[in-house]
C-alpha atoms as a PDB file:
ATOM      1  CA  MET A   1      55.186 -38.589  -7.061  1.00  0.00           C
ATOM      2  CA  GLU A   2      55.169 -35.513  -4.911  1.00  0.00           C
ATOM      3  CA  PHE A   3      54.701 -33.403  -8.018  1.00  0.00           C
ATOM      4  CA  PHE A   4      51.495 -35.253  -8.974  1.00  0.00           C
ATOM      5  CA  THR A   5      50.198 -35.020  -5.419  1.00  0.00           C
ATOM      6  CA  ALA A   6      50.846 -31.290  -5.289  1.00  0.00           C
ATOM      7  CA  LEU A   7      49.279 -30.905  -8.738  1.00  0.00           C
ATOM      8  CA  SER A   8      46.234 -32.923  -7.649  1.00  0.00           C
ATOM      9  CA  VAL A   9      45.831 -30.806  -4.518  1.00  0.00           C
ATOM     10  CA  LEU A  10      46.163 -27.626  -6.547  1.00  0.00           C
ATOM     11  CA  ALA A  11      43.609 -28.877  -9.079  1.00  0.00           C
ATOM     12  CA  ALA A  12      41.190 -29.839  -6.275  1.00  0.00           C
ATOM     13  CA  ILE A  13      41.561 -26.375  -4.733  1.00  0.00           C
ATOM     14  CA  CYS A  14      40.873 -24.698  -8.088  1.00  0.00           C
ATOM     15  CA  VAL A  15      37.848 -26.905  -8.831  1.00  0.00           C
ATOM     16  CA  SER A  16      36.376 -26.502  -5.358  1.00  0.00           C
ATOM     17  CA  GLY A  17      36.973 -22.739  -5.493  1.00  0.00           C
ATOM     18  CA  GLY A  18      35.219 -22.527  -8.859  1.00  0.00           C
ATOM     19  CA  VAL A  19      32.309 -24.638  -7.643  1.00  0.00           C
ATOM     20  CA  GLY A  20      32.072 -22.566  -4.469  1.00  0.00           C
ATOM     21  CA  PHE A  21      32.141 -19.325  -6.449  1.00  0.00           C
ATOM     22  CA  TYR A  22      29.399 -20.557  -8.793  1.00  0.00           C
ATOM     23  CA  LEU A  23      27.205 -21.769  -5.920  1.00  0.00           C
ATOM     24  CA  ASN A  24      27.701 -18.524  -4.013  1.00  0.00           C
ATOM     25  CA  LYS A  25      26.827 -16.484  -7.094  1.00  0.00           C
ATOM     26  CA  HIS A  26      23.765 -18.628  -7.826  1.00  0.00           C
ATOM     27  CA  LEU A  27      22.482 -18.530  -4.240  1.00  0.00           C
ATOM     28  CA  ASN A  28      22.999 -14.769  -3.970  1.00  0.00           C
ATOM     29  CA  ALA A  29      21.100 -14.230  -7.223  1.00  0.00           C
ATOM     30  CA  LYS A  30      18.248 -16.364  -5.873  1.00  0.00           C
ATOM     31  CA  ARG A  31      18.198 -14.414  -2.593  1.00  0.00           C
ATOM     32  CA  ILE A  32      18.168 -11.105  -4.458  1.00  0.00           C
ATOM     33  CA  GLY A  33      15.346 -12.349  -6.667  1.00  0.00           C
ATOM     34  CA  ASP A  34      13.344 -13.478  -3.635  1.00  0.00           C
ATOM     35  CA  ALA A  35      13.948 -10.162  -1.876  1.00  0.00           C
ATOM     36  CA  THR A  36      12.896  -8.234  -4.981  1.00  0.00           C
ATOM     37  CA  GLU A  37       9.735 -10.300  -5.282  1.00  0.00           C
ATOM     38  CA  LEU A  38       8.926  -9.735  -1.608  1.00  0.00           C
ATOM     39  CA  ALA A  39       9.532  -5.992  -1.942  1.00  0.00           C
ATOM     40  CA  THR A  40       7.262  -5.843  -4.997  1.00  0.00           C
ATOM     41  CA  ARG A  41       4.535  -7.709  -3.136  1.00  0.00           C
ATOM     42  CA  ILE A  42       4.835  -5.388  -0.126  1.00  0.00           C
ATOM     43  CA  VAL A  43       4.632  -2.298  -2.346  1.00  0.00           C
ATOM     44  CA  GLU A  44       1.551  -3.646  -4.162  1.00  0.00           C
ATOM     45  CA  GLU A  45      -0.182  -4.497  -0.890  1.00  0.00           C
ATOM     46  CA  SER A  46       0.642  -1.032   0.445  1.00  0.00           C
ATOM     47  CA  ARG A  47      -0.802   0.578  -2.689  1.00  0.00           C
ATOM     48  CA  LYS A  48      -3.986  -1.455  -2.388  1.00  0.00           C
ATOM     49  CA  GLU A  49      -4.313  -0.544   1.283  1.00  0.00           C
ATOM     50  CA  ALA A  50      -3.710   3.134   0.518  1.00  0.00           C
ATOM     51  CA  GLN A  51      -6.363   3.046  -2.222  1.00  0.00           C
ATOM     52  CA  ALA A  52      -8.832   1.432   0.172  1.00  0.00           C
ATOM     53  CA  GLN A  53      -8.100   4.079   2.817  1.00  0.00           C
ATOM     54  CA  LYS A  54      -8.459   6.824   0.215  1.00  0.00           C
ATOM     55  CA  LYS A  55     -11.853   5.488  -0.856  1.00  0.00           C
ATOM     56  CA  GLU A  56     -12.965   5.237   2.770  1.00  0.00           C
ATOM     57  CA  ILE A  57     -11.920   8.824   3.487  1.00  0.00           C
ATOM     58  CA  LEU A  58     -13.672  10.077   0.348  1.00  0.00           C
ATOM     59  CA  LEU A  59     -16.845   8.239   1.307  1.00  0.00           C
ATOM     60  CA  GLN A  60     -16.709   9.687   4.809  1.00  0.00           C
ATOM     61  CA  GLY A  61     -16.258  13.164   3.340  1.00  0.00           C
ATOM     62  CA  GLN A  62     -19.181  12.704   0.959  1.00  0.00           C
ATOM     63  CA  ASP A  63     -21.324  11.431   3.808  1.00  0.00           C
ATOM     64  CA  GLU A  64     -20.388  14.429   5.936  1.00  0.00           C
ATOM     65  CA  LEU A  65     -21.216  16.819   3.083  1.00  0.00           C
ATOM     66  CA  PHE A  66     -24.556  15.108   2.550  1.00  0.00           C
ATOM     67  CA  ASN A  67     -25.384  15.404   6.244  1.00  0.00           C
ATOM     68  CA  GLN A  68     -24.446  19.089   6.296  1.00  0.00           C
ATOM     69  CA  LYS A  69     -26.545  19.735   3.189  1.00  0.00           C
ATOM     70  CA  ARG A  70     -29.507  17.972   4.763  1.00  0.00           C
ATOM     71  CA  GLU A  71     -29.141  20.035   7.952  1.00  0.00           C
ATOM     72  CA  LEU A  72     -28.962  23.278   5.965  1.00  0.00           C
ATOM     73  CA  GLU A  73     -32.023  22.349   3.931  1.00  0.00           C
ATOM     74  CA  HIS A  74     -33.884  21.554   7.136  1.00  0.00           C
ATOM     75  CA  GLU A  75     -32.859  24.915   8.632  1.00  0.00           C
ATOM     76  CA  PHE A  76     -33.889  26.698   5.452  1.00  0.00           C
ATOM     77  CA  LYS A  77     -37.318  25.051   5.498  1.00  0.00           C
ATOM     78  CA  GLU A  78     -37.798  26.008   9.138  1.00  0.00           C
ATOM     79  CA  ARG A  79     -36.894  29.625   8.411  1.00  0.00           C
ATOM     80  CA  CYS A  80     -39.158  29.729   5.381  1.00  0.00           C
ATOM     81  CA  LEU A  81     -42.030  28.385   7.463  1.00  0.00           C
ATOM     82  CA  LEU A  82     -41.273  30.897  10.172  1.00  0.00           C
ATOM     83  CA  TYR A  83     -41.379  33.839   7.760  1.00  0.00           C
ATOM     84  CA  THR A  84     -44.300  32.614   5.678  1.00  0.00           C
ATOM     85  CA  SER A  85     -46.611  31.630   8.523  1.00  0.00           C
ATOM     86  CA  PRO A  86     -49.132  34.281   9.497  1.00  0.00           C
ATOM     87  CA  SER A  87     -48.270  36.228  12.577  1.00  0.00           C
ATOM     88  CA  PRO A  88     -50.805  36.696  15.363  1.00  0.00           C
ATOM     89  CA  ARG A  89     -51.055  40.409  14.467  1.00  0.00           C
ATOM     90  CA  ASP A  90     -52.166  39.595  10.897  1.00  0.00           C
ATOM     91  CA  THR A  91     -55.167  37.575  12.049  1.00  0.00           C
ATOM     92  CA  ARG A  92     -56.913  40.460  13.930  1.00  0.00           C
END
């Protein structure tokens, strides 16, 4: 009888060890999958945010260039008017 009891205990240990190993493996695979999915989502969100920031910076740069161009054109027009307007000496 002791032999069957020892055999039963040994079989229970083997079965529970196998079940535990399988559950551990399955749960770890699920955790790794979840972590991979989260990492992918974070990377995609970061890329989208970086693209948005890049567009914003480009727009600011274009706006700054436009403003500088407008200022230069205004200066040029003022200078042209200054040089093309008759001087008081020419009207005598």
